[in-house]
Amino acid sequence: LNLAAITTAKYFMPHLLGVFLRDYPAVEPRLSITNQSRVLERLTGNMDDLVIMGTIPDNMDLEVAHFLDNPLVVVAPPDHPLAGERNIPLARIAEERFLSREPGSGTRQARTRLFAQHGLAAKVYMELGSSEAIKQAVMAGLGISVLSLHNLSLELESGLIAVLDVEHFPLMRNWYAVHLKGKKLSQTTRRFLDFLLKDGARIWQETQPHVSRKRAKK
């Protein structure tokens, strides 16, 4: 089972693949985690059984299956003045120092599009090449950012990062399993795709400690 995924998917794909392999231990997996441009190269070259991505190119003939929501949230250090405020105006957030992913990042594109729709632009203080680097910079107090909620399980559990309550957020995006249209999927690939579509979202939610804790309190 050959899979390729963009970098941000490293936070959930190993978990989902691990659960699948418990039921199919004879499957030999290969998971390539790389950047958006390299993933597109692999997709164009038909190098993998499935590609996991959040931004679908509009110039390719593809089969696309949505299997997991990808909520984007505004994050800040826990001691940020806006932490704990309710329904913070987007215009107020635009005044903050922003830590941004590099051009081409799907998260950056989504944030830029939302701000532009409201006549705003983020004050980008620093560009960083990975979500992990942005998290470290946020925790160091260098600024705020927009990240996928999927990236933040440990930091939220440990109280190292705060999610700000900002209007128009969470900004919902999606995760997709993609392959070239007309590609004949192997039986193993088909089973894994069915697994993602039927159980992927539920299994991922169950692995999140902050979600599990909230459910236990209800």
C-alpha atoms as a PDB file:
ATOM      1  CA  LEU A   1       0.000   0.000   0.000  1.00  0.00           C
ATOM      2  CA  ASN A   2       1.824   3.097  -1.279  1.00  0.00           C
ATOM      3  CA  LEU A   3       0.569   6.396   0.092  1.00  0.00           C
ATOM      4  CA  ALA A   4       1.788   9.978  -0.260  1.00  0.00           C
ATOM      5  CA  ALA A   5       0.628  12.854   1.912  1.00  0.00           C
ATOM      6  CA  ILE A   6       1.405  16.511   2.387  1.00  0.00           C
ATOM      7  CA  THR A   7       3.434  17.438   5.454  1.00  0.00           C
ATOM      8  CA  THR A   8       0.553  18.464   7.717  1.00  0.00           C
ATOM      9  CA  ALA A   9      -1.042  15.027   7.322  1.00  0.00           C
ATOM     10  CA  LYS A  10       1.787  13.540   9.398  1.00  0.00           C
ATOM     11  CA  TYR A  11      -0.266  14.368  12.488  1.00  0.00           C
ATOM     12  CA  PHE A  12      -3.053  11.915  11.660  1.00  0.00           C
ATOM     13  CA  MET A  13      -2.102   9.547   8.825  1.00  0.00           C
ATOM     14  CA  PRO A  14       0.235   7.312  10.900  1.00  0.00           C
ATOM     15  CA  HIS A  15      -2.577   6.870  13.459  1.00  0.00           C
ATOM     16  CA  LEU A  16      -5.152   5.913  10.843  1.00  0.00           C
ATOM     17  CA  LEU A  17      -2.733   3.651   9.011  1.00  0.00           C
ATOM     18  CA  GLY A  18      -1.814   1.937  12.279  1.00  0.00           C
ATOM     19  CA  VAL A  19      -5.455   1.103  13.041  1.00  0.00           C
ATOM     20  CA  PHE A  20      -5.976  -0.249   9.523  1.00  0.00           C
ATOM     21  CA  LEU A  21      -2.910  -2.478   9.789  1.00  0.00           C
ATOM     22  CA  ARG A  22      -4.249  -4.129  12.944  1.00  0.00           C
ATOM     23  CA  ASP A  23      -6.988  -5.656  10.801  1.00  0.00           C
ATOM     24  CA  TYR A  24      -4.719  -6.256   7.797  1.00  0.00           C
ATOM     25  CA  PRO A  25      -1.299  -7.129   9.262  1.00  0.00           C
ATOM     26  CA  ALA A  26      -0.080  -8.685   6.009  1.00  0.00           C
ATOM     27  CA  VAL A  27      -0.265  -5.339   4.197  1.00  0.00           C
ATOM     28  CA  GLU A  28       3.147  -3.772   3.572  1.00  0.00           C
ATOM     29  CA  PRO A  29       2.692   0.016   3.855  1.00  0.00           C
ATOM     30  CA  ARG A  30       4.813   2.860   2.534  1.00  0.00           C
ATOM     31  CA  LEU A  31       3.899   6.387   3.555  1.00  0.00           C
ATOM     32  CA  SER A  32       5.733   9.286   1.908  1.00  0.00           C
ATOM     33  CA  ILE A  33       5.308  12.613   3.741  1.00  0.00           C
ATOM     34  CA  THR A  34       6.439  15.578   1.669  1.00  0.00           C
ATOM     35  CA  ASN A  35       5.584  19.128   0.615  1.00  0.00           C
ATOM     36  CA  GLN A  36       2.740  20.240  -1.645  1.00  0.00           C
ATOM     37  CA  SER A  37       4.790  20.575  -4.832  1.00  0.00           C
ATOM     38  CA  ARG A  38       6.355  17.125  -4.446  1.00  0.00           C
ATOM     39  CA  VAL A  39       2.980  15.558  -3.692  1.00  0.00           C
ATOM     40  CA  LEU A  40       1.618  17.047  -6.915  1.00  0.00           C
ATOM     41  CA  GLU A  41       4.581  15.598  -8.809  1.00  0.00           C
ATOM     42  CA  ARG A  42       3.880  12.160  -7.342  1.00  0.00           C
ATOM     43  CA  LEU A  43       0.181  12.480  -8.175  1.00  0.00           C
ATOM     44  CA  THR A  44       0.899  13.535 -11.762  1.00  0.00           C
ATOM     45  CA  GLY A  45       3.339  10.654 -12.157  1.00  0.00           C
ATOM     46  CA  ASN A  46       0.886   8.110 -10.716  1.00  0.00           C
ATOM     47  CA  MET A  47       3.570   7.021  -8.239  1.00  0.00           C
ATOM     48  CA  ASP A  48       1.233   6.091  -5.372  1.00  0.00           C
ATOM     49  CA  ASP A  49      -1.978   4.198  -4.749  1.00  0.00           C
ATOM     50  CA  LEU A  50      -3.545   7.188  -2.994  1.00  0.00           C
ATOM     51  CA  VAL A  51      -2.505  10.752  -2.243  1.00  0.00           C
ATOM     52  CA  ILE A  52      -3.700  12.562   0.883  1.00  0.00           C
ATOM     53  CA  MET A  53      -4.060  16.316   0.446  1.00  0.00           C
ATOM     54  CA  GLY A  54      -6.158  19.303   1.447  1.00  0.00           C
ATOM     55  CA  THR A  55      -5.997  21.504  -1.662  1.00  0.00           C
ATOM     56  CA  ILE A  56      -7.177  19.905  -4.900  1.00  0.00           C
ATOM     57  CA  PRO A  57      -5.551  21.140  -8.125  1.00  0.00           C
ATOM     58  CA  ASP A  58      -8.116  22.305 -10.658  1.00  0.00           C
ATOM     59  CA  ASN A  59      -6.037  21.393 -13.703  1.00  0.00           C
ATOM     60  CA  MET A  60      -6.036  17.604 -13.215  1.00  0.00           C
ATOM     61  CA  ASP A  61      -8.643  14.909 -13.881  1.00  0.00           C
ATOM     62  CA  LEU A  62      -8.990  13.301 -10.467  1.00  0.00           C
ATOM     63  CA  GLU A  63     -11.149  11.081  -8.297  1.00  0.00           C
ATOM     64  CA  VAL A  64     -11.527  12.895  -4.976  1.00  0.00           C
ATOM     65  CA  ALA A  65     -12.951  11.483  -1.730  1.00  0.00           C
ATOM     66  CA  HIS A  66     -13.459  13.653   1.369  1.00  0.00           C
ATOM     67  CA  PHE A  67     -12.795  11.619   4.522  1.00  0.00           C
ATOM     68  CA  LEU A  68     -11.935  14.110   7.282  1.00  0.00           C
ATOM     69  CA  ASP A  69     -12.742  17.715   8.161  1.00  0.00           C
ATOM     70  CA  ASN A  70      -9.798  20.058   8.695  1.00  0.00           C
ATOM     71  CA  PRO A  71     -10.756  22.958  10.991  1.00  0.00           C
ATOM     72  CA  LEU A  72      -8.290  25.867  10.956  1.00  0.00           C
ATOM     73  CA  VAL A  73      -8.062  27.928  14.151  1.00  0.00           C
ATOM     74  CA  VAL A  74      -6.247  31.039  15.361  1.00  0.00           C
ATOM     75  CA  VAL A  75      -3.574  30.155  17.913  1.00  0.00           C
ATOM     76  CA  ALA A  76      -1.640  32.279  20.395  1.00  0.00           C
ATOM     77  CA  PRO A  77       0.457  31.868  23.543  1.00  0.00           C
ATOM     78  CA  PRO A  78      -1.699  31.065  26.599  1.00  0.00           C
ATOM     79  CA  ASP A  79      -0.849  34.441  28.174  1.00  0.00           C
ATOM     80  CA  HIS A  80      -1.851  36.449  25.094  1.00  0.00           C
ATOM     81  CA  PRO A  81      -4.113  39.440  25.983  1.00  0.00           C
ATOM     82  CA  LEU A  82      -6.871  38.083  23.723  1.00  0.00           C
ATOM     83  CA  ALA A  83      -6.865  34.582  25.238  1.00  0.00           C
ATOM     84  CA  GLY A  84     -10.244  34.064  26.900  1.00  0.00           C
ATOM     85  CA  GLU A  85     -11.977  36.836  24.930  1.00  0.00           C
ATOM     86  CA  ARG A  86     -15.165  35.873  23.086  1.00  0.00           C
ATOM     87  CA  ASN A  87     -16.003  36.462  19.407  1.00  0.00           C
ATOM     88  CA  ILE A  88     -12.919  38.548  18.660  1.00  0.00           C
ATOM     89  CA  PRO A  89     -13.443  40.654  15.502  1.00  0.00           C
ATOM     90  CA  LEU A  90     -11.415  39.550  12.509  1.00  0.00           C
ATOM     91  CA  ALA A  91     -10.228  43.148  12.075  1.00  0.00           C
ATOM     92  CA  ARG A  92      -8.763  43.035  15.578  1.00  0.00           C
ATOM     93  CA  ILE A  93      -6.844  39.851  14.796  1.00  0.00           C
ATOM     94  CA  ALA A  94      -5.476  41.443  11.610  1.00  0.00           C
ATOM     95  CA  GLU A  95      -3.654  43.976  13.806  1.00  0.00           C
ATOM     96  CA  GLU A  96      -1.574  41.241  15.459  1.00  0.00           C
ATOM     97  CA  ARG A  97       1.857  40.026  14.357  1.00  0.00           C
ATOM     98  CA  PHE A  98       1.257  36.973  12.195  1.00  0.00           C
ATOM     99  CA  LEU A  99       3.471  33.938  11.806  1.00  0.00           C
ATOM    100  CA  SER A 100       2.758  32.513   8.367  1.00  0.00           C
ATOM    101  CA  ARG A 101       3.480  29.420   6.355  1.00  0.00           C
ATOM    102  CA  GLU A 102       5.362  29.828   3.091  1.00  0.00           C
ATOM    103  CA  PRO A 103       3.632  30.781  -0.213  1.00  0.00           C
ATOM    104  CA  GLY A 104       1.837  27.761  -1.668  1.00  0.00           C
ATOM    105  CA  SER A 105       0.695  26.463   1.705  1.00  0.00           C
ATOM    106  CA  GLY A 106      -2.992  25.533   1.730  1.00  0.00           C
ATOM    107  CA  THR A 107      -3.408  26.960   5.241  1.00  0.00           C
ATOM    108  CA  ARG A 108      -1.897  30.254   4.149  1.00  0.00           C
ATOM    109  CA  GLN A 109      -4.119  30.385   1.064  1.00  0.00           C
ATOM    110  CA  ALA A 110      -7.257  29.790   3.145  1.00  0.00           C
ATOM    111  CA  ARG A 111      -6.326  32.481   5.681  1.00  0.00           C
ATOM    112  CA  THR A 112      -5.390  34.989   2.961  1.00  0.00           C
ATOM    113  CA  ARG A 113      -8.671  34.357   1.128  1.00  0.00           C
ATOM    114  CA  LEU A 114     -10.770  34.870   4.260  1.00  0.00           C
ATOM    115  CA  PHE A 115      -8.996  38.106   5.171  1.00  0.00           C
ATOM    116  CA  ALA A 116      -9.315  39.437   1.605  1.00  0.00           C
ATOM    117  CA  GLN A 117     -13.064  38.716   1.598  1.00  0.00           C
ATOM    118  CA  HIS A 118     -13.340  41.172   4.499  1.00  0.00           C
ATOM    119  CA  GLY A 119     -10.958  43.762   3.078  1.00  0.00           C
ATOM    120  CA  LEU A 120      -8.151  42.792   5.444  1.00  0.00           C
ATOM    121  CA  ALA A 121      -4.586  41.545   5.215  1.00  0.00           C
ATOM    122  CA  ALA A 122      -2.503  39.915   7.917  1.00  0.00           C
ATOM    123  CA  LYS A 123       0.630  41.675   9.154  1.00  0.00           C
ATOM    124  CA  VAL A 124       3.095  38.893   8.414  1.00  0.00           C
ATOM    125  CA  TYR A 125       5.966  39.174  10.854  1.00  0.00           C
ATOM    126  CA  MET A 126       7.744  35.956   9.916  1.00  0.00           C
ATOM    127  CA  GLU A 127       7.407  33.141   7.373  1.00  0.00           C
ATOM    128  CA  LEU A 128       8.182  29.607   8.506  1.00  0.00           C
ATOM    129  CA  GLY A 129       8.360  26.409   6.493  1.00  0.00           C
ATOM    130  CA  SER A 130       6.400  24.011   8.698  1.00  0.00           C
ATOM    131  CA  SER A 131       3.541  23.876  11.161  1.00  0.00           C
ATOM    132  CA  GLU A 132       5.934  22.545  13.800  1.00  0.00           C
ATOM    133  CA  ALA A 133       8.150  25.631  13.441  1.00  0.00           C
ATOM    134  CA  ILE A 134       5.110  27.896  13.705  1.00  0.00           C
ATOM    135  CA  LYS A 135       3.956  26.163  16.885  1.00  0.00           C
ATOM    136  CA  GLN A 136       7.363  26.695  18.478  1.00  0.00           C
ATOM    137  CA  ALA A 137       7.346  30.360  17.444  1.00  0.00           C
ATOM    138  CA  VAL A 138       3.841  30.866  18.850  1.00  0.00           C
ATOM    139  CA  MET A 139       4.859  29.265  22.140  1.00  0.00           C
ATOM    140  CA  ALA A 140       7.904  31.563  22.205  1.00  0.00           C
ATOM    141  CA  GLY A 141       5.600  34.585  22.006  1.00  0.00           C
ATOM    142  CA  LEU A 142       6.691  35.746  18.559  1.00  0.00           C
ATOM    143  CA  GLY A 143       3.166  36.167  17.244  1.00  0.00           C
ATOM    144  CA  ILE A 144      -0.109  34.445  16.447  1.00  0.00           C
ATOM    145  CA  SER A 145      -0.972  32.150  13.563  1.00  0.00           C
ATOM    146  CA  VAL A 146      -3.594  30.011  11.859  1.00  0.00           C
ATOM    147  CA  LEU A 147      -3.070  26.264  12.128  1.00  0.00           C
ATOM    148  CA  SER A 148      -5.033  23.076  11.667  1.00  0.00           C
ATOM    149  CA  LEU A 149      -6.651  21.911  14.881  1.00  0.00           C
ATOM    150  CA  HIS A 150      -5.308  18.459  14.015  1.00  0.00           C
ATOM    151  CA  ASN A 151      -1.778  19.723  14.687  1.00  0.00           C
ATOM    152  CA  LEU A 152      -2.435  20.867  18.220  1.00  0.00           C
ATOM    153  CA  SER A 153      -3.458  17.866  20.328  1.00  0.00           C
ATOM    154  CA  LEU A 154      -0.413  17.739  22.604  1.00  0.00           C
ATOM    155  CA  GLU A 155      -0.065  21.510  22.928  1.00  0.00           C
ATOM    156  CA  LEU A 156      -3.727  21.943  23.876  1.00  0.00           C
ATOM    157  CA  GLU A 157      -3.576  19.049  26.322  1.00  0.00           C
ATOM    158  CA  SER A 158      -0.487  20.565  27.948  1.00  0.00           C
ATOM    159  CA  GLY A 159      -1.783  24.145  27.942  1.00  0.00           C
ATOM    160  CA  LEU A 160       1.148  25.360  25.839  1.00  0.00           C
ATOM    161  CA  ILE A 161      -1.011  27.012  23.155  1.00  0.00           C
ATOM    162  CA  ALA A 162      -4.379  28.764  23.284  1.00  0.00           C
ATOM    163  CA  VAL A 163      -7.038  28.735  20.573  1.00  0.00           C
ATOM    164  CA  LEU A 164      -8.550  32.212  20.210  1.00  0.00           C
ATOM    165  CA  ASP A 165     -12.300  32.627  19.734  1.00  0.00           C
ATOM    166  CA  VAL A 166     -12.300  34.647  16.505  1.00  0.00           C
ATOM    167  CA  GLU A 167     -15.274  35.404  14.262  1.00  0.00           C
ATOM    168  CA  HIS A 168     -15.376  33.304  11.061  1.00  0.00           C
ATOM    169  CA  PHE A 169     -13.257  30.617  12.756  1.00  0.00           C
ATOM    170  CA  PRO A 170     -12.884  27.674  12.781  1.00  0.00           C
ATOM    171  CA  LEU A 171     -12.292  28.012   9.074  1.00  0.00           C
ATOM    172  CA  MET A 172     -13.333  24.660   7.661  1.00  0.00           C
ATOM    173  CA  ARG A 173     -11.251  22.875   5.079  1.00  0.00           C
ATOM    174  CA  ASN A 174     -11.185  19.186   4.163  1.00  0.00           C
ATOM    175  CA  TRP A 175      -8.808  16.278   3.809  1.00  0.00           C
ATOM    176  CA  TYR A 176      -9.128  14.206   0.664  1.00  0.00           C
ATOM    177  CA  ALA A 177      -7.915  10.866  -0.612  1.00  0.00           C
ATOM    178  CA  VAL A 178      -7.085  11.405  -4.282  1.00  0.00           C
ATOM    179  CA  HIS A 179      -6.029   9.412  -7.323  1.00  0.00           C
ATOM    180  CA  LEU A 180      -6.015   9.927 -11.070  1.00  0.00           C
ATOM    181  CA  LYS A 181      -9.380   9.368 -12.725  1.00  0.00           C
ATOM    182  CA  GLY A 182      -9.518   5.977 -14.397  1.00  0.00           C
ATOM    183  CA  LYS A 183      -6.856   4.471 -12.145  1.00  0.00           C
ATOM    184  CA  LYS A 184      -7.627   0.851 -11.276  1.00  0.00           C
ATOM    185  CA  LEU A 185      -7.295   0.469  -7.535  1.00  0.00           C
ATOM    186  CA  SER A 186      -5.971  -2.738  -6.025  1.00  0.00           C
ATOM    187  CA  GLN A 187      -8.130  -4.633  -3.549  1.00  0.00           C
ATOM    188  CA  THR A 188      -5.894  -3.442  -0.706  1.00  0.00           C
ATOM    189  CA  THR A 189      -6.162   0.191  -1.798  1.00  0.00           C
ATOM    190  CA  ARG A 190      -9.918  -0.081  -2.112  1.00  0.00           C
ATOM    191  CA  ARG A 191     -10.180  -1.515   1.394  1.00  0.00           C
ATOM    192  CA  PHE A 192      -8.033   1.277   2.808  1.00  0.00           C
ATOM    193  CA  LEU A 193     -10.082   3.918   1.017  1.00  0.00           C
ATOM    194  CA  ASP A 194     -13.299   2.378   2.346  1.00  0.00           C
ATOM    195  CA  PHE A 195     -11.756   2.381   5.825  1.00  0.00           C
ATOM    196  CA  LEU A 196     -10.921   6.100   5.562  1.00  0.00           C
ATOM    197  CA  LEU A 197     -14.404   6.985   4.359  1.00  0.00           C
ATOM    198  CA  LYS A 198     -16.295   4.882   6.921  1.00  0.00           C
ATOM    199  CA  ASP A 199     -14.124   5.096  10.029  1.00  0.00           C
ATOM    200  CA  GLY A 200     -11.359   7.675   9.534  1.00  0.00           C
ATOM    201  CA  ALA A 201     -13.080  10.658  11.159  1.00  0.00           C
ATOM    202  CA  ARG A 202     -14.367   8.653  14.146  1.00  0.00           C
ATOM    203  CA  ILE A 203     -11.029   6.994  14.838  1.00  0.00           C
ATOM    204  CA  TRP A 204      -9.139  10.279  14.635  1.00  0.00           C
ATOM    205  CA  GLN A 205     -11.533  11.944  17.078  1.00  0.00           C
ATOM    206  CA  GLU A 206     -11.041   9.089  19.528  1.00  0.00           C
ATOM    207  CA  THR A 207      -7.267   9.612  19.512  1.00  0.00           C
ATOM    208  CA  GLN A 208      -7.558  13.263  20.610  1.00  0.00           C
ATOM    209  CA  PRO A 209      -7.012  13.577  24.367  1.00  0.00           C
ATOM    210  CA  HIS A 210      -8.703  16.989  24.719  1.00  0.00           C
ATOM    211  CA  VAL A 211     -11.776  15.692  22.852  1.00  0.00           C
ATOM    212  CA  SER A 212     -11.902  12.499  24.898  1.00  0.00           C
ATOM    213  CA  ARG A 213     -11.654  14.482  28.141  1.00  0.00           C
ATOM    214  CA  LYS A 214     -14.538  16.765  27.171  1.00  0.00           C
ATOM    215  CA  ARG A 215     -16.731  13.762  26.332  1.00  0.00           C
ATOM    216  CA  ALA A 216     -15.884  12.124  29.650  1.00  0.00           C
ATOM    217  CA  LYS A 217     -17.072  15.234  31.527  1.00  0.00           C
ATOM    218  CA  LYS A 218     -20.480  15.250  29.822  1.00  0.00           C
END
